[in-house]
Amino acid sequence: MTARLALPALGLTVLACGTGQAALPDAREAPPPSIVVRAESLATSVPIDGSVVARRRAEIATRLMARVTAVPVDVGMPVRAGQVLVRLGVEDVAANRSRVVAARDAALAARDEAARQSARMDTLLAQDAVARVQRDQARLALAQAEAQLAGAQAAVQDVATAEGYAQIAAPFAGVVALRSVDPGDLASPGVPLVVVEDDGPRDAVFAVPADLAAGLAQGHRIAIVDGAGRVATLPVRVVGRAADPLTRTVELRVSTPPDWRTGIAVTALVPAGLHAGVAVPVSAIIRRGELTGVRVVMDDAVMLRWVRLGRPAVSADGGDTGRVEVLSGLEAGDRIVP
């Protein structure tokens, strides 16, 4: 029930309202401007959760089991291509190098001697001074010496490659996104030590049901809502050509500004046709803690009515309209104060 109270001294009328409505004073001589809420066709959108990722991301690991001696970078530090990220202790590799170098030198000397012996046997065979079988044995010894030399040279190359793993460098210019080791830690093969991300454009990645992805194409703009509730209309960069056979979803990548942090959760409002509803300007929304309301004009008074909001109303092409859908609390024909 609504009771009307007269306050002649102030020239105002105040309405005492029931549940769901709060009264506001209304100056009779200066009624506030209002707009009429109308039913309309609103773009239906399906919320799909995703996250922001860098377009290039490298998890830097090593192929050695070694002790970490230095990590000259930290999280958030910009790095250039080729800059050292982690140094490892490779004392055992250096000792192994001495052994394989000595073995290579010995194999080289053996090969040279076998080559001289083979040449001598060829000369003596031409002079009928030795049997052909002796010449053949000399050639076999030369082939064996050359094989041993090739193996020794490969061992030297393996050691040189292992020594190259002692310093792990950035594969491209970017920013250190993760550092998981400190000096003194034991690095294991295949375990990421540092993660480097490109400091350029980012993508918001979503797994979209295949039936919804069929209506999307590169360049199509869709609304993306971040964790703070802000809406940005961004272009689609990639629509996957194949669906995941288990989830029946297609990967969708949307270009985002480079200042969006990687790893944050975002929601894509994927277009899915039209539906009937009402929407009001965002500027007309009044927030009181977790409650949301609008000022409704009734007779000669303005009342605050609590409403339940839906998603931001977007245009047919995914653009932000500056309005929000009202799920309950308002009907077509109501007048509100924006």
C-alpha atoms as a PDB file:
ATOM      1  CA  MET A   1       0.000   0.000   0.000  1.00  0.00           C
ATOM      2  CA  THR A   2       1.166   3.542  -0.748  1.00  0.00           C
ATOM      3  CA  ALA A   3       0.367   6.451   1.599  1.00  0.00           C
ATOM      4  CA  ARG A   4       0.605  10.074   0.457  1.00  0.00           C
ATOM      5  CA  LEU A   5       2.097  12.537   2.963  1.00  0.00           C
ATOM      6  CA  ALA A   6       1.873  16.301   2.385  1.00  0.00           C
ATOM      7  CA  LEU A   7       4.748  18.563   3.369  1.00  0.00           C
ATOM      8  CA  PRO A   8       3.477  22.085   2.571  1.00  0.00           C
ATOM      9  CA  ALA A   9       6.524  23.785   3.998  1.00  0.00           C
ATOM     10  CA  LEU A  10       8.742  22.073   1.424  1.00  0.00           C
ATOM     11  CA  GLY A  11       6.307  21.882  -1.455  1.00  0.00           C
ATOM     12  CA  LEU A  12       7.126  18.144  -1.936  1.00  0.00           C
ATOM     13  CA  THR A  13       5.159  14.903  -2.066  1.00  0.00           C
ATOM     14  CA  VAL A  14       6.752  11.760  -0.606  1.00  0.00           C
ATOM     15  CA  LEU A  15       5.493   8.248  -1.333  1.00  0.00           C
ATOM     16  CA  ALA A  16       5.918   5.520   1.259  1.00  0.00           C
ATOM     17  CA  CYS A  17       6.309   2.385  -0.865  1.00  0.00           C
ATOM     18  CA  GLY A  18       6.043  -1.328  -0.334  1.00  0.00           C
ATOM     19  CA  THR A  19       8.676  -4.033  -0.810  1.00  0.00           C
ATOM     20  CA  GLY A  20      11.122  -3.488  -3.665  1.00  0.00           C
ATOM     21  CA  GLN A  21      10.681   0.287  -3.924  1.00  0.00           C
ATOM     22  CA  ALA A  22      12.199   3.239  -2.072  1.00  0.00           C
ATOM     23  CA  ALA A  23      10.684   6.695  -2.197  1.00  0.00           C
ATOM     24  CA  LEU A  24      12.454   9.775  -3.478  1.00  0.00           C
ATOM     25  CA  PRO A  25      11.193  13.368  -3.159  1.00  0.00           C
ATOM     26  CA  ASP A  26       9.604  14.839  -6.238  1.00  0.00           C
ATOM     27  CA  ALA A  27       9.477  18.588  -6.862  1.00  0.00           C
ATOM     28  CA  ARG A  28       6.122  19.303  -8.494  1.00  0.00           C
ATOM     29  CA  GLU A  29       7.251  22.486 -10.087  1.00  0.00           C
ATOM     30  CA  ALA A  30      10.245  20.872 -11.841  1.00  0.00           C
ATOM     31  CA  PRO A  31       9.452  17.248 -12.835  1.00  0.00           C
ATOM     32  CA  PRO A  32      12.601  15.412 -13.910  1.00  0.00           C
ATOM     33  CA  PRO A  33      12.983  14.332 -17.565  1.00  0.00           C
ATOM     34  CA  SER A  34      12.140  10.691 -18.164  1.00  0.00           C
ATOM     35  CA  ILE A  35      12.233   8.055 -20.880  1.00  0.00           C
ATOM     36  CA  VAL A  36       9.732   5.297 -21.596  1.00  0.00           C
ATOM     37  CA  VAL A  37      10.946   1.708 -21.374  1.00  0.00           C
ATOM     38  CA  ARG A  38      10.008  -0.187 -24.513  1.00  0.00           C
ATOM     39  CA  ALA A  39      10.117  -3.846 -25.440  1.00  0.00           C
ATOM     40  CA  GLU A  40      12.598  -4.542 -28.213  1.00  0.00           C
ATOM     41  CA  SER A  41      14.610  -7.258 -29.880  1.00  0.00           C
ATOM     42  CA  LEU A  42      17.902  -7.678 -28.084  1.00  0.00           C
ATOM     43  CA  ALA A  43      20.875  -9.643 -29.326  1.00  0.00           C
ATOM     44  CA  THR A  44      21.058 -12.990 -27.546  1.00  0.00           C
ATOM     45  CA  SER A  45      24.568 -13.840 -26.413  1.00  0.00           C
ATOM     46  CA  VAL A  46      26.035 -16.949 -24.830  1.00  0.00           C
ATOM     47  CA  PRO A  47      28.778 -16.307 -22.245  1.00  0.00           C
ATOM     48  CA  ILE A  48      31.927 -18.337 -22.871  1.00  0.00           C
ATOM     49  CA  ASP A  49      34.732 -18.187 -20.317  1.00  0.00           C
ATOM     50  CA  GLY A  50      38.316 -17.915 -21.457  1.00  0.00           C
ATOM     51  CA  SER A  51      41.646 -16.370 -20.592  1.00  0.00           C
ATOM     52  CA  VAL A  52      44.194 -13.951 -22.016  1.00  0.00           C
ATOM     53  CA  VAL A  53      47.413 -15.428 -23.394  1.00  0.00           C
ATOM     54  CA  ALA A  54      50.484 -14.056 -25.140  1.00  0.00           C
ATOM     55  CA  ARG A  55      50.799 -14.882 -28.816  1.00  0.00           C
ATOM     56  CA  ARG A  56      54.327 -16.173 -28.208  1.00  0.00           C
ATOM     57  CA  ARG A  57      55.197 -17.988 -24.999  1.00  0.00           C
ATOM     58  CA  ALA A  58      58.315 -20.066 -24.369  1.00  0.00           C
ATOM     59  CA  GLU A  59      58.847 -22.378 -21.403  1.00  0.00           C
ATOM     60  CA  ILE A  60      62.638 -22.455 -21.082  1.00  0.00           C
ATOM     61  CA  ALA A  61      64.008 -25.815 -19.911  1.00  0.00           C
ATOM     62  CA  THR A  62      67.315 -27.683 -20.097  1.00  0.00           C
ATOM     63  CA  ARG A  63      68.414 -31.117 -21.279  1.00  0.00           C
ATOM     64  CA  LEU A  64      70.945 -31.448 -18.465  1.00  0.00           C
ATOM     65  CA  MET A  65      70.734 -32.543 -14.865  1.00  0.00           C
ATOM     66  CA  ALA A  66      72.812 -29.768 -13.343  1.00  0.00           C
ATOM     67  CA  ARG A  67      73.008 -27.304 -10.489  1.00  0.00           C
ATOM     68  CA  VAL A  68      71.762 -23.762 -11.115  1.00  0.00           C
ATOM     69  CA  THR A  69      74.583 -21.272 -10.551  1.00  0.00           C
ATOM     70  CA  ALA A  70      72.910 -17.976 -11.527  1.00  0.00           C
ATOM     71  CA  VAL A  71      69.510 -16.569 -12.546  1.00  0.00           C
ATOM     72  CA  PRO A  72      70.173 -12.971 -13.652  1.00  0.00           C
ATOM     73  CA  VAL A  73      66.503 -12.201 -14.449  1.00  0.00           C
ATOM     74  CA  ASP A  74      63.320 -11.860 -12.415  1.00  0.00           C
ATOM     75  CA  VAL A  75      59.568 -11.829 -13.032  1.00  0.00           C
ATOM     76  CA  GLY A  76      58.414  -8.789 -14.993  1.00  0.00           C
ATOM     77  CA  MET A  77      61.877  -7.983 -16.319  1.00  0.00           C
ATOM     78  CA  PRO A  78      62.102  -7.239 -20.060  1.00  0.00           C
ATOM     79  CA  VAL A  79      64.661  -9.358 -21.914  1.00  0.00           C
ATOM     80  CA  ARG A  80      66.144  -9.216 -25.395  1.00  0.00           C
ATOM     81  CA  ALA A  81      66.640 -12.103 -27.784  1.00  0.00           C
ATOM     82  CA  GLY A  82      69.760 -14.066 -26.833  1.00  0.00           C
ATOM     83  CA  GLN A  83      70.016 -12.637 -23.317  1.00  0.00           C
ATOM     84  CA  VAL A  84      71.167 -15.197 -20.729  1.00  0.00           C
ATOM     85  CA  LEU A  85      68.357 -16.276 -18.407  1.00  0.00           C
ATOM     86  CA  VAL A  86      69.893 -19.141 -16.423  1.00  0.00           C
ATOM     87  CA  ARG A  87      73.452 -20.416 -15.930  1.00  0.00           C
ATOM     88  CA  LEU A  88      74.161 -24.022 -14.954  1.00  0.00           C
ATOM     89  CA  GLY A  89      77.210 -25.654 -13.423  1.00  0.00           C
ATOM     90  CA  VAL A  90      78.744 -28.089 -15.950  1.00  0.00           C
ATOM     91  CA  GLU A  91      81.997 -29.141 -14.263  1.00  0.00           C
ATOM     92  CA  ASP A  92      81.389 -32.801 -15.141  1.00  0.00           C
ATOM     93  CA  VAL A  93      80.860 -31.847 -18.776  1.00  0.00           C
ATOM     94  CA  ALA A  94      84.246 -30.069 -18.823  1.00  0.00           C
ATOM     95  CA  ALA A  95      85.941 -33.167 -17.426  1.00  0.00           C
ATOM     96  CA  ASN A  96      84.221 -35.338 -20.012  1.00  0.00           C
ATOM     97  CA  ARG A  97      85.442 -32.989 -22.722  1.00  0.00           C
ATOM     98  CA  SER A  98      89.070 -33.725 -21.834  1.00  0.00           C
ATOM     99  CA  ARG A  99      88.414 -37.460 -22.165  1.00  0.00           C
ATOM    100  CA  VAL A 100      86.650 -37.290 -25.517  1.00  0.00           C
ATOM    101  CA  VAL A 101      89.222 -34.878 -26.966  1.00  0.00           C
ATOM    102  CA  ALA A 102      91.995 -37.286 -25.997  1.00  0.00           C
ATOM    103  CA  ALA A 103      90.081 -40.187 -27.541  1.00  0.00           C
ATOM    104  CA  ARG A 104      89.580 -38.189 -30.745  1.00  0.00           C
ATOM    105  CA  ASP A 105      93.287 -37.357 -30.981  1.00  0.00           C
ATOM    106  CA  ALA A 106      94.154 -41.026 -30.533  1.00  0.00           C
ATOM    107  CA  ALA A 107      91.631 -42.053 -33.189  1.00  0.00           C
ATOM    108  CA  LEU A 108      93.024 -39.419 -35.550  1.00  0.00           C
ATOM    109  CA  ALA A 109      96.559 -40.735 -35.104  1.00  0.00           C
ATOM    110  CA  ALA A 110      95.372 -44.314 -35.656  1.00  0.00           C
ATOM    111  CA  ARG A 111      93.558 -43.316 -38.805  1.00  0.00           C
ATOM    112  CA  ASP A 112      96.630 -41.538 -40.184  1.00  0.00           C
ATOM    113  CA  GLU A 113      98.790 -44.595 -39.514  1.00  0.00           C
ATOM    114  CA  ALA A 114      96.211 -46.891 -41.108  1.00  0.00           C
ATOM    115  CA  ALA A 115      96.120 -44.617 -44.148  1.00  0.00           C
ATOM    116  CA  ARG A 116      99.904 -44.770 -44.516  1.00  0.00           C
ATOM    117  CA  GLN A 117      99.883 -48.546 -44.130  1.00  0.00           C
ATOM    118  CA  SER A 118      97.147 -48.914 -46.728  1.00  0.00           C
ATOM    119  CA  ALA A 119      99.054 -46.735 -49.190  1.00  0.00           C
ATOM    120  CA  ARG A 120     102.232 -48.795 -48.579  1.00  0.00           C
ATOM    121  CA  MET A 121     100.368 -52.036 -49.240  1.00  0.00           C
ATOM    122  CA  ASP A 122      98.986 -50.623 -52.499  1.00  0.00           C
ATOM    123  CA  THR A 123     102.526 -49.783 -53.646  1.00  0.00           C
ATOM    124  CA  LEU A 124     103.917 -53.199 -52.674  1.00  0.00           C
ATOM    125  CA  LEU A 125     101.020 -54.996 -54.329  1.00  0.00           C
ATOM    126  CA  ALA A 126     101.714 -53.118 -57.542  1.00  0.00           C
ATOM    127  CA  GLN A 127     105.292 -54.441 -57.337  1.00  0.00           C
ATOM    128  CA  ASP A 128     104.072 -57.997 -56.571  1.00  0.00           C
ATOM    129  CA  ALA A 129     105.911 -57.757 -53.252  1.00  0.00           C
ATOM    130  CA  VAL A 130     102.900 -58.670 -51.051  1.00  0.00           C
ATOM    131  CA  ALA A 131      99.832 -60.794 -51.425  1.00  0.00           C
ATOM    132  CA  ARG A 132      96.512 -59.217 -52.303  1.00  0.00           C
ATOM    133  CA  VAL A 133      95.057 -60.397 -48.998  1.00  0.00           C
ATOM    134  CA  GLN A 134      97.570 -58.253 -47.100  1.00  0.00           C
ATOM    135  CA  ARG A 135      96.504 -55.212 -49.106  1.00  0.00           C
ATOM    136  CA  ASP A 136      92.841 -55.977 -48.344  1.00  0.00           C
ATOM    137  CA  GLN A 137      93.582 -56.293 -44.633  1.00  0.00           C
ATOM    138  CA  ALA A 138      95.300 -52.880 -44.673  1.00  0.00           C
ATOM    139  CA  ARG A 139      92.269 -51.309 -46.335  1.00  0.00           C
ATOM    140  CA  LEU A 140      89.962 -52.919 -43.765  1.00  0.00           C
ATOM    141  CA  ALA A 141      92.101 -51.529 -40.954  1.00  0.00           C
ATOM    142  CA  LEU A 142      91.876 -48.071 -42.539  1.00  0.00           C
ATOM    143  CA  ALA A 143      88.069 -48.290 -42.743  1.00  0.00           C
ATOM    144  CA  GLN A 144      87.894 -49.319 -39.089  1.00  0.00           C
ATOM    145  CA  ALA A 145      90.179 -46.460 -38.050  1.00  0.00           C
ATOM    146  CA  GLU A 146      88.061 -43.951 -39.964  1.00  0.00           C
ATOM    147  CA  ALA A 147      84.906 -45.253 -38.263  1.00  0.00           C
ATOM    148  CA  GLN A 148      86.524 -44.924 -34.839  1.00  0.00           C
ATOM    149  CA  LEU A 149      87.609 -41.382 -35.683  1.00  0.00           C
ATOM    150  CA  ALA A 150      84.062 -40.451 -36.758  1.00  0.00           C
ATOM    151  CA  GLY A 151      82.709 -41.762 -33.447  1.00  0.00           C
ATOM    152  CA  ALA A 152      85.296 -39.816 -31.457  1.00  0.00           C
ATOM    153  CA  GLN A 153      84.501 -36.610 -33.362  1.00  0.00           C
ATOM    154  CA  ALA A 154      80.776 -37.119 -32.686  1.00  0.00           C
ATOM    155  CA  ALA A 155      81.524 -37.490 -28.972  1.00  0.00           C
ATOM    156  CA  VAL A 156      83.413 -34.200 -29.024  1.00  0.00           C
ATOM    157  CA  GLN A 157      80.449 -32.537 -30.729  1.00  0.00           C
ATOM    158  CA  ASP A 158      78.071 -33.952 -28.112  1.00  0.00           C
ATOM    159  CA  VAL A 159      80.180 -32.463 -25.332  1.00  0.00           C
ATOM    160  CA  ALA A 160      80.259 -29.084 -27.107  1.00  0.00           C
ATOM    161  CA  THR A 161      76.469 -29.190 -27.405  1.00  0.00           C
ATOM    162  CA  ALA A 162      76.122 -30.052 -23.707  1.00  0.00           C
ATOM    163  CA  GLU A 163      78.372 -27.125 -22.812  1.00  0.00           C
ATOM    164  CA  GLY A 164      76.016 -24.890 -24.793  1.00  0.00           C
ATOM    165  CA  TYR A 165      73.208 -25.854 -22.407  1.00  0.00           C
ATOM    166  CA  ALA A 166      75.165 -24.324 -19.533  1.00  0.00           C
ATOM    167  CA  GLN A 167      73.777 -20.919 -20.524  1.00  0.00           C
ATOM    168  CA  ILE A 168      70.079 -20.761 -21.340  1.00  0.00           C
ATOM    169  CA  ALA A 169      69.169 -17.720 -23.431  1.00  0.00           C
ATOM    170  CA  ALA A 170      65.886 -16.022 -24.364  1.00  0.00           C
ATOM    171  CA  PRO A 171      64.615 -17.206 -27.784  1.00  0.00           C
ATOM    172  CA  PHE A 172      62.960 -13.850 -28.497  1.00  0.00           C
ATOM    173  CA  ALA A 173      62.501 -10.413 -26.963  1.00  0.00           C
ATOM    174  CA  GLY A 174      59.781 -10.271 -24.323  1.00  0.00           C
ATOM    175  CA  VAL A 175      59.077 -10.240 -20.604  1.00  0.00           C
ATOM    176  CA  VAL A 176      59.829 -12.840 -17.945  1.00  0.00           C
ATOM    177  CA  ALA A 177      56.438 -14.201 -16.892  1.00  0.00           C
ATOM    178  CA  LEU A 178      57.614 -16.950 -14.514  1.00  0.00           C
ATOM    179  CA  ARG A 179      60.812 -17.849 -12.688  1.00  0.00           C
ATOM    180  CA  SER A 180      60.755 -21.185 -10.890  1.00  0.00           C
ATOM    181  CA  VAL A 181      64.415 -21.668  -9.869  1.00  0.00           C
ATOM    182  CA  ASP A 182      67.052 -19.948  -7.748  1.00  0.00           C
ATOM    183  CA  PRO A 183      70.825 -20.407  -7.549  1.00  0.00           C
ATOM    184  CA  GLY A 184      71.574 -23.716  -5.864  1.00  0.00           C
ATOM    185  CA  ASP A 185      68.474 -25.508  -7.172  1.00  0.00           C
ATOM    186  CA  LEU A 186      68.861 -28.684  -9.205  1.00  0.00           C
ATOM    187  CA  ALA A 187      67.650 -28.307 -12.798  1.00  0.00           C
ATOM    188  CA  SER A 188      66.051 -31.404 -14.299  1.00  0.00           C
ATOM    189  CA  PRO A 189      65.639 -32.128 -18.019  1.00  0.00           C
ATOM    190  CA  GLY A 190      62.322 -30.928 -19.423  1.00  0.00           C
ATOM    191  CA  VAL A 191      61.244 -28.994 -16.303  1.00  0.00           C
ATOM    192  CA  PRO A 192      60.592 -25.286 -17.108  1.00  0.00           C
ATOM    193  CA  LEU A 193      63.001 -22.946 -15.361  1.00  0.00           C
ATOM    194  CA  VAL A 194      61.869 -19.602 -16.798  1.00  0.00           C
ATOM    195  CA  VAL A 195      58.868 -18.610 -18.914  1.00  0.00           C
ATOM    196  CA  VAL A 196      59.213 -15.775 -21.424  1.00  0.00           C
ATOM    197  CA  GLU A 197      56.213 -14.137 -23.081  1.00  0.00           C
ATOM    198  CA  ASP A 198      56.115 -11.783 -26.039  1.00  0.00           C
ATOM    199  CA  ASP A 199      55.401  -8.230 -24.904  1.00  0.00           C
ATOM    200  CA  GLY A 200      53.243  -7.540 -27.948  1.00  0.00           C
ATOM    201  CA  PRO A 201      49.566  -8.112 -28.788  1.00  0.00           C
ATOM    202  CA  ARG A 202      47.640 -10.634 -26.716  1.00  0.00           C
ATOM    203  CA  ASP A 203      44.802 -13.013 -27.511  1.00  0.00           C
ATOM    204  CA  ALA A 204      41.771 -13.974 -25.506  1.00  0.00           C
ATOM    205  CA  VAL A 205      41.277 -17.703 -26.104  1.00  0.00           C
ATOM    206  CA  PHE A 206      37.883 -19.408 -25.847  1.00  0.00           C
ATOM    207  CA  ALA A 207      36.483 -22.874 -26.532  1.00  0.00           C
ATOM    208  CA  VAL A 208      33.255 -22.089 -28.387  1.00  0.00           C
ATOM    209  CA  PRO A 209      30.611 -24.719 -29.228  1.00  0.00           C
ATOM    210  CA  ALA A 210      30.857 -25.613 -32.894  1.00  0.00           C
ATOM    211  CA  ASP A 211      27.289 -24.464 -33.698  1.00  0.00           C
ATOM    212  CA  LEU A 212      28.000 -20.970 -32.353  1.00  0.00           C
ATOM    213  CA  ALA A 213      31.420 -20.789 -34.019  1.00  0.00           C
ATOM    214  CA  ALA A 214      29.766 -21.411 -37.389  1.00  0.00           C
ATOM    215  CA  GLY A 215      28.417 -17.840 -37.318  1.00  0.00           C
ATOM    216  CA  LEU A 216      31.797 -16.266 -36.599  1.00  0.00           C
ATOM    217  CA  ALA A 217      34.562 -15.247 -38.976  1.00  0.00           C
ATOM    218  CA  GLN A 218      37.869 -13.410 -38.867  1.00  0.00           C
ATOM    219  CA  GLY A 219      37.291  -9.686 -38.310  1.00  0.00           C
ATOM    220  CA  HIS A 220      33.880 -10.184 -36.672  1.00  0.00           C
ATOM    221  CA  ARG A 221      33.684  -8.066 -33.498  1.00  0.00           C
ATOM    222  CA  ILE A 222      32.318  -9.511 -30.266  1.00  0.00           C
ATOM    223  CA  ALA A 223      31.921  -8.154 -26.749  1.00  0.00           C
ATOM    224  CA  ILE A 224      34.486  -9.253 -24.138  1.00  0.00           C
ATOM    225  CA  VAL A 225      33.837  -8.701 -20.427  1.00  0.00           C
ATOM    226  CA  ASP A 226      36.823  -8.586 -18.078  1.00  0.00           C
ATOM    227  CA  GLY A 227      36.892  -9.451 -14.383  1.00  0.00           C
ATOM    228  CA  ALA A 228      35.923  -5.889 -13.415  1.00  0.00           C
ATOM    229  CA  GLY A 229      32.771  -6.019 -15.558  1.00  0.00           C
ATOM    230  CA  ARG A 230      34.096  -3.671 -18.227  1.00  0.00           C
ATOM    231  CA  VAL A 231      32.978  -4.420 -21.780  1.00  0.00           C
ATOM    232  CA  ALA A 232      35.266  -4.096 -24.803  1.00  0.00           C
ATOM    233  CA  THR A 233      34.281  -4.844 -28.387  1.00  0.00           C
ATOM    234  CA  LEU A 234      37.234  -6.634 -29.986  1.00  0.00           C
ATOM    235  CA  PRO A 235      37.901  -8.293 -33.361  1.00  0.00           C
ATOM    236  CA  VAL A 236      38.108 -12.045 -33.891  1.00  0.00           C
ATOM    237  CA  ARG A 237      41.600 -12.994 -35.066  1.00  0.00           C
ATOM    238  CA  VAL A 238      41.332 -16.765 -35.490  1.00  0.00           C
ATOM    239  CA  VAL A 239      38.454 -19.215 -35.730  1.00  0.00           C
ATOM    240  CA  GLY A 240      39.594 -22.832 -35.584  1.00  0.00           C
ATOM    241  CA  ARG A 241      38.863 -24.929 -38.646  1.00  0.00           C
ATOM    242  CA  ALA A 242      38.429 -28.185 -36.719  1.00  0.00           C
ATOM    243  CA  ALA A 243      36.379 -28.989 -33.632  1.00  0.00           C
ATOM    244  CA  ASP A 244      37.688 -30.955 -30.680  1.00  0.00           C
ATOM    245  CA  PRO A 245      36.167 -34.459 -31.044  1.00  0.00           C
ATOM    246  CA  LEU A 246      35.629 -34.773 -27.268  1.00  0.00           C
ATOM    247  CA  THR A 247      34.197 -31.364 -26.351  1.00  0.00           C
ATOM    248  CA  ARG A 248      32.740 -30.432 -29.769  1.00  0.00           C
ATOM    249  CA  THR A 249      34.240 -26.973 -29.377  1.00  0.00           C
ATOM    250  CA  VAL A 250      36.273 -24.754 -31.692  1.00  0.00           C
ATOM    251  CA  GLU A 251      39.149 -22.555 -30.567  1.00  0.00           C
ATOM    252  CA  LEU A 252      38.382 -18.855 -30.897  1.00  0.00           C
ATOM    253  CA  ARG A 253      41.092 -16.197 -30.546  1.00  0.00           C
ATOM    254  CA  VAL A 254      40.166 -12.549 -30.108  1.00  0.00           C
ATOM    255  CA  SER A 255      42.749  -9.753 -30.323  1.00  0.00           C
ATOM    256  CA  THR A 256      43.122  -7.845 -27.060  1.00  0.00           C
ATOM    257  CA  PRO A 257      45.097  -4.719 -26.125  1.00  0.00           C
ATOM    258  CA  PRO A 258      48.735  -5.375 -25.140  1.00  0.00           C
ATOM    259  CA  ASP A 259      48.148  -3.948 -21.656  1.00  0.00           C
ATOM    260  CA  TRP A 260      45.747  -6.773 -20.720  1.00  0.00           C
ATOM    261  CA  ARG A 261      47.550  -9.086 -18.313  1.00  0.00           C
ATOM    262  CA  THR A 262      48.050 -12.652 -19.430  1.00  0.00           C
ATOM    263  CA  GLY A 263      46.259 -15.280 -17.403  1.00  0.00           C
ATOM    264  CA  ILE A 264      43.278 -13.111 -16.418  1.00  0.00           C
ATOM    265  CA  ALA A 265      39.796 -14.567 -16.842  1.00  0.00           C
ATOM    266  CA  VAL A 266      37.517 -12.979 -19.442  1.00  0.00           C
ATOM    267  CA  THR A 267      34.093 -13.786 -20.837  1.00  0.00           C
ATOM    268  CA  ALA A 268      33.085 -13.606 -24.487  1.00  0.00           C
ATOM    269  CA  LEU A 269      29.467 -12.764 -25.282  1.00  0.00           C
ATOM    270  CA  VAL A 270      29.095 -14.901 -28.391  1.00  0.00           C
ATOM    271  CA  PRO A 271      26.112 -13.843 -30.567  1.00  0.00           C
ATOM    272  CA  ALA A 272      23.301 -16.413 -30.735  1.00  0.00           C
ATOM    273  CA  GLY A 273      20.328 -14.687 -32.400  1.00  0.00           C
ATOM    274  CA  LEU A 274      17.688 -12.301 -30.947  1.00  0.00           C
ATOM    275  CA  HIS A 275      15.188 -12.309 -28.072  1.00  0.00           C
ATOM    276  CA  ALA A 276      12.538  -9.935 -26.727  1.00  0.00           C
ATOM    277  CA  GLY A 277      13.415  -7.866 -23.663  1.00  0.00           C
ATOM    278  CA  VAL A 278      13.936  -4.417 -22.185  1.00  0.00           C
ATOM    279  CA  ALA A 279      17.166  -2.508 -21.687  1.00  0.00           C
ATOM    280  CA  VAL A 280      18.060   0.762 -19.953  1.00  0.00           C
ATOM    281  CA  PRO A 281      21.073   3.074 -20.190  1.00  0.00           C
ATOM    282  CA  VAL A 282      23.941   2.182 -17.887  1.00  0.00           C
ATOM    283  CA  SER A 283      23.804   5.767 -16.596  1.00  0.00           C
ATOM    284  CA  ALA A 284      20.303   5.111 -15.211  1.00  0.00           C
ATOM    285  CA  ILE A 285      21.495   2.316 -12.907  1.00  0.00           C
ATOM    286  CA  ILE A 286      21.788   3.148  -9.196  1.00  0.00           C
ATOM    287  CA  ARG A 287      23.908   0.819  -7.074  1.00  0.00           C
ATOM    288  CA  ARG A 288      23.592   0.331  -3.345  1.00  0.00           C
ATOM    289  CA  GLY A 289      26.109  -2.322  -2.379  1.00  0.00           C
ATOM    290  CA  GLU A 290      25.028  -5.469  -4.196  1.00  0.00           C
ATOM    291  CA  LEU A 291      21.612  -4.031  -5.028  1.00  0.00           C
ATOM    292  CA  THR A 292      20.819  -2.338  -8.329  1.00  0.00           C
ATOM    293  CA  GLY A 293      17.881  -0.104  -9.084  1.00  0.00           C
ATOM    294  CA  VAL A 294      16.417   2.571 -11.344  1.00  0.00           C
ATOM    295  CA  ARG A 295      14.345   5.685 -10.629  1.00  0.00           C
ATOM    296  CA  VAL A 296      10.805   5.111 -11.848  1.00  0.00           C
ATOM    297  CA  VAL A 297       8.284   7.915 -12.409  1.00  0.00           C
ATOM    298  CA  MET A 298       4.864   7.117 -10.922  1.00  0.00           C
ATOM    299  CA  ASP A 299       2.125   9.749 -11.045  1.00  0.00           C
ATOM    300  CA  ASP A 300       3.796  12.893  -9.713  1.00  0.00           C
ATOM    301  CA  ALA A 301       6.586  11.207  -7.773  1.00  0.00           C
ATOM    302  CA  VAL A 302       9.895   9.435  -8.471  1.00  0.00           C
ATOM    303  CA  MET A 303      10.594   6.121  -6.743  1.00  0.00           C
ATOM    304  CA  LEU A 304      13.677   3.969  -6.547  1.00  0.00           C
ATOM    305  CA  ARG A 305      12.821   0.469  -7.723  1.00  0.00           C
ATOM    306  CA  TRP A 306      15.177  -2.458  -7.321  1.00  0.00           C
ATOM    307  CA  VAL A 307      15.761  -4.454 -10.484  1.00  0.00           C
ATOM    308  CA  ARG A 308      17.732  -7.520 -11.557  1.00  0.00           C
ATOM    309  CA  LEU A 309      20.171  -6.882 -14.341  1.00  0.00           C
ATOM    310  CA  GLY A 310      21.328  -9.178 -17.095  1.00  0.00           C
ATOM    311  CA  ARG A 311      24.222  -8.875 -19.493  1.00  0.00           C
ATOM    312  CA  PRO A 312      25.273  -5.715 -21.323  1.00  0.00           C
ATOM    313  CA  ALA A 313      23.072  -5.147 -24.369  1.00  0.00           C
ATOM    314  CA  VAL A 314      25.142  -5.411 -27.540  1.00  0.00           C
ATOM    315  CA  SER A 315      24.317  -4.538 -31.112  1.00  0.00           C
ATOM    316  CA  ALA A 316      23.867  -7.118 -33.839  1.00  0.00           C
ATOM    317  CA  ASP A 317      27.552  -6.802 -34.793  1.00  0.00           C
ATOM    318  CA  GLY A 318      28.722  -7.203 -31.188  1.00  0.00           C
ATOM    319  CA  GLY A 319      29.215  -3.511 -30.455  1.00  0.00           C
ATOM    320  CA  ASP A 320      28.647  -1.973 -27.033  1.00  0.00           C
ATOM    321  CA  THR A 321      25.362  -0.014 -26.903  1.00  0.00           C
ATOM    322  CA  GLY A 322      25.926   1.570 -23.503  1.00  0.00           C
ATOM    323  CA  ARG A 323      22.830  -0.189 -22.158  1.00  0.00           C
ATOM    324  CA  VAL A 324      22.174  -3.172 -19.951  1.00  0.00           C
ATOM    325  CA  GLU A 325      19.328  -5.674 -20.079  1.00  0.00           C
ATOM    326  CA  VAL A 326      16.818  -5.708 -17.189  1.00  0.00           C
ATOM    327  CA  LEU A 327      15.594  -9.195 -16.363  1.00  0.00           C
ATOM    328  CA  SER A 328      13.002  -8.265 -13.740  1.00  0.00           C
ATOM    329  CA  GLY A 329      11.625  -5.197 -11.970  1.00  0.00           C
ATOM    330  CA  LEU A 330      10.704  -3.207 -15.094  1.00  0.00           C
ATOM    331  CA  GLU A 331       8.078  -3.628 -17.759  1.00  0.00           C
ATOM    332  CA  ALA A 332       7.473  -2.059 -21.114  1.00  0.00           C
ATOM    333  CA  GLY A 333       5.712   1.263 -20.649  1.00  0.00           C
ATOM    334  CA  ASP A 334       7.402   2.193 -17.358  1.00  0.00           C
ATOM    335  CA  ARG A 335       9.010   5.632 -17.278  1.00  0.00           C
ATOM    336  CA  ILE A 336      12.481   5.965 -15.777  1.00  0.00           C
ATOM    337  CA  VAL A 337      14.748   8.874 -14.998  1.00  0.00           C
ATOM    338  CA  PRO A 338      18.103   8.353 -16.811  1.00  0.00           C
END
